[in-house]
Every structure is written in structure tokens, then in C-alpha cells.
Amino acid sequence: MATQTAGVAEELLDEPHVEGRRVSVLQLRDRVEEVGDTPQAVAEDYDLDVAAVYQALAYYHTHREELEAVRERRERETAALRREVAANRPDGVTPP
């Protein structure tokens, strides 16, 4: 059973998230619109009120360009980190 109804806050980890929680708007959006989970199932998984999931979805669609820029920045930073790790990996060592 969900225990929290919350709005969207923008002051954690440089991307919008559910107020008072660490779950981001992008995480919720991806679970519903990419994975295909229902808002109700996502709300249960994160112990949120379903309204918080819908608020996050509305926020995403209102700020789509901004959030996709956040996603692209995160992907660039992750790729750069992977390149750096690979460049500094000793010969003969491969990731699992």
C-alpha cells in the first residue's frame, strides 16, 4: 500500500525527482512509458501514492526537452567514465 503523495522537486542529484524521495522523474517515466509497467505497479514498487507517479509523468511531458538533456548528459558522463576505466585497465583484464 502506498504511503506518500508528493510533488516534484528539482534539488537532488541535478535532476527532478519525487519530493522527499530519491526516485527521479526519469526513472518513473521510463518504468511506465518504456518498460510498460502500470502507474499503479510503479507506485507500489516505490511505496508512492499513484498520484505521485502521475505528477512525475506530467512533469516529464511539461519539461521533456530539459529532462532529455539531463538523460543525454548522464549518458555522456557514463560513456566517458567507461572509456577512462577501460584505458586504465591492465592488459589482459576484462570486465565480468
C-alpha atoms as a PDB file:
ATOM      1  CA  MET A   1       0.000   0.000   0.000  1.00  0.00           C
ATOM      2  CA  ALA A   2       1.377   3.417  -0.948  1.00  0.00           C
ATOM      3  CA  THR A   3       2.173   5.789   1.852  1.00  0.00           C
ATOM      4  CA  GLN A   4       3.335   9.023   0.258  1.00  0.00           C
ATOM      5  CA  THR A   5       1.846  11.575  -2.080  1.00  0.00           C
ATOM      6  CA  ALA A   6       4.466  14.037  -3.233  1.00  0.00           C
ATOM      7  CA  GLY A   7       5.162  16.666  -5.824  1.00  0.00           C
ATOM      8  CA  VAL A   8       8.273  17.069  -7.930  1.00  0.00           C
ATOM      9  CA  ALA A   9      11.404  18.680  -6.527  1.00  0.00           C
ATOM     10  CA  GLU A  10      14.435  19.733  -8.544  1.00  0.00           C
ATOM     11  CA  GLU A  11      17.194  19.958  -5.948  1.00  0.00           C
ATOM     12  CA  LEU A  12      18.593  16.419  -5.712  1.00  0.00           C
ATOM     13  CA  LEU A  13      21.280  14.895  -7.902  1.00  0.00           C
ATOM     14  CA  ASP A  14      20.818  17.596 -10.548  1.00  0.00           C
ATOM     15  CA  GLU A  15      17.583  16.163 -11.860  1.00  0.00           C
ATOM     16  CA  PRO A  16      13.916  16.373 -10.902  1.00  0.00           C
ATOM     17  CA  HIS A  17      12.706  13.701  -8.513  1.00  0.00           C
ATOM     18  CA  VAL A  18       9.750  12.900  -6.293  1.00  0.00           C
ATOM     19  CA  GLU A  19       9.790  15.358  -3.432  1.00  0.00           C
ATOM     20  CA  GLY A  20      11.265  13.815  -0.320  1.00  0.00           C
ATOM     21  CA  ARG A  21      12.471  10.743  -2.189  1.00  0.00           C
ATOM     22  CA  ARG A  22      15.447   9.778  -4.348  1.00  0.00           C
ATOM     23  CA  VAL A  23      13.401   8.351  -7.207  1.00  0.00           C
ATOM     24  CA  SER A  24      13.731  10.547 -10.278  1.00  0.00           C
ATOM     25  CA  VAL A  25      11.095  11.672 -12.719  1.00  0.00           C
ATOM     26  CA  LEU A  26      13.045   9.889 -15.471  1.00  0.00           C
ATOM     27  CA  GLN A  27      13.023   6.607 -13.527  1.00  0.00           C
ATOM     28  CA  LEU A  28       9.257   6.720 -13.149  1.00  0.00           C
ATOM     29  CA  ARG A  29       8.708   7.831 -16.743  1.00  0.00           C
ATOM     30  CA  ASP A  30      10.905   5.022 -18.069  1.00  0.00           C
ATOM     31  CA  ARG A  31       9.148   2.372 -15.989  1.00  0.00           C
ATOM     32  CA  VAL A  32       5.741   3.457 -17.278  1.00  0.00           C
ATOM     33  CA  GLU A  33       6.457   4.531 -20.848  1.00  0.00           C
ATOM     34  CA  GLU A  34       9.445   2.376 -21.804  1.00  0.00           C
ATOM     35  CA  VAL A  35       9.060  -0.789 -19.731  1.00  0.00           C
ATOM     36  CA  GLY A  36       5.264  -0.691 -19.863  1.00  0.00           C
ATOM     37  CA  ASP A  37       4.540  -1.051 -16.158  1.00  0.00           C
ATOM     38  CA  THR A  38       1.295   0.487 -14.960  1.00  0.00           C
ATOM     39  CA  PRO A  39       1.460   3.628 -12.817  1.00  0.00           C
ATOM     40  CA  GLN A  40      -0.192   1.607 -10.048  1.00  0.00           C
ATOM     41  CA  ALA A  41       2.530  -1.082 -10.135  1.00  0.00           C
ATOM     42  CA  VAL A  42       5.297   1.534 -10.191  1.00  0.00           C
ATOM     43  CA  ALA A  43       3.708   3.350  -7.246  1.00  0.00           C
ATOM     44  CA  GLU A  44       3.604   0.107  -5.267  1.00  0.00           C
ATOM     45  CA  ASP A  45       7.234  -0.714  -6.109  1.00  0.00           C
ATOM     46  CA  TYR A  46       8.428   2.680  -4.862  1.00  0.00           C
ATOM     47  CA  ASP A  47       5.932   2.939  -1.989  1.00  0.00           C
ATOM     48  CA  LEU A  48       4.354   6.050  -3.503  1.00  0.00           C
ATOM     49  CA  ASP A  49       0.817   7.187  -3.982  1.00  0.00           C
ATOM     50  CA  VAL A  50      -0.184   6.657  -7.611  1.00  0.00           C
ATOM     51  CA  ALA A  51      -0.790  10.418  -7.826  1.00  0.00           C
ATOM     52  CA  ALA A  52       2.959  10.985  -7.363  1.00  0.00           C
ATOM     53  CA  VAL A  53       3.659   8.805 -10.401  1.00  0.00           C
ATOM     54  CA  TYR A  54       1.156  10.744 -12.487  1.00  0.00           C
ATOM     55  CA  GLN A  55       2.621  14.036 -11.253  1.00  0.00           C
ATOM     56  CA  ALA A  56       6.072  12.856 -12.331  1.00  0.00           C
ATOM     57  CA  LEU A  57       4.721  11.848 -15.748  1.00  0.00           C
ATOM     58  CA  ALA A  58       3.027  15.225 -16.151  1.00  0.00           C
ATOM     59  CA  TYR A  59       6.250  16.961 -15.132  1.00  0.00           C
ATOM     60  CA  TYR A  60       8.207  14.934 -17.688  1.00  0.00           C
ATOM     61  CA  HIS A  61       5.843  15.837 -20.509  1.00  0.00           C
ATOM     62  CA  THR A  62       5.843  19.501 -19.494  1.00  0.00           C
ATOM     63  CA  HIS A  63       9.675  19.600 -19.328  1.00  0.00           C
ATOM     64  CA  ARG A  64      10.563  16.958 -21.930  1.00  0.00           C
ATOM     65  CA  GLU A  65      13.462  18.831 -23.559  1.00  0.00           C
ATOM     66  CA  GLU A  66      15.074  19.665 -20.205  1.00  0.00           C
ATOM     67  CA  LEU A  67      14.800  16.087 -18.962  1.00  0.00           C
ATOM     68  CA  GLU A  68      16.079  14.553 -22.171  1.00  0.00           C
ATOM     69  CA  ALA A  69      19.077  16.912 -21.906  1.00  0.00           C
ATOM     70  CA  VAL A  70      19.647  15.547 -18.378  1.00  0.00           C
ATOM     71  CA  ARG A  71      19.471  11.998 -19.761  1.00  0.00           C
ATOM     72  CA  GLU A  72      21.916  12.812 -22.577  1.00  0.00           C
ATOM     73  CA  ARG A  73      24.356  14.473 -20.161  1.00  0.00           C
ATOM     74  CA  ARG A  74      24.212  11.451 -17.862  1.00  0.00           C
ATOM     75  CA  GLU A  75      24.811   9.081 -20.799  1.00  0.00           C
ATOM     76  CA  ARG A  76      27.804  11.155 -21.990  1.00  0.00           C
ATOM     77  CA  GLU A  77      29.307  11.183 -18.499  1.00  0.00           C
ATOM     78  CA  THR A  78      28.802   7.433 -18.137  1.00  0.00           C
ATOM     79  CA  ALA A  79      30.414   6.756 -21.519  1.00  0.00           C
ATOM     80  CA  ALA A  80      33.386   8.973 -20.635  1.00  0.00           C
ATOM     81  CA  LEU A  81      33.841   7.158 -17.334  1.00  0.00           C
ATOM     82  CA  ARG A  82      33.711   3.772 -19.078  1.00  0.00           C
ATOM     83  CA  ARG A  83      36.344   4.929 -21.577  1.00  0.00           C
ATOM     84  CA  GLU A  84      38.559   6.154 -18.742  1.00  0.00           C
ATOM     85  CA  VAL A  85      38.224   2.877 -16.834  1.00  0.00           C
ATOM     86  CA  ALA A  86      38.953   0.863 -19.985  1.00  0.00           C
ATOM     87  CA  ALA A  87      42.016   2.993 -20.784  1.00  0.00           C
ATOM     88  CA  ASN A  88      43.426   2.401 -17.299  1.00  0.00           C
ATOM     89  CA  ARG A  89      42.653  -1.317 -17.125  1.00  0.00           C
ATOM     90  CA  PRO A  90      45.759  -3.517 -17.003  1.00  0.00           C
ATOM     91  CA  ASP A  91      46.450  -5.650 -20.076  1.00  0.00           C
ATOM     92  CA  GLY A  92      44.693  -8.986 -20.015  1.00  0.00           C
ATOM     93  CA  VAL A  93      41.992  -7.897 -17.574  1.00  0.00           C
ATOM     94  CA  THR A  94      38.459  -7.827 -18.888  1.00  0.00           C
ATOM     95  CA  PRO A  95      35.265  -6.888 -17.086  1.00  0.00           C
ATOM     96  CA  PRO A  96      32.943  -9.719 -15.996  1.00  0.00           C
END
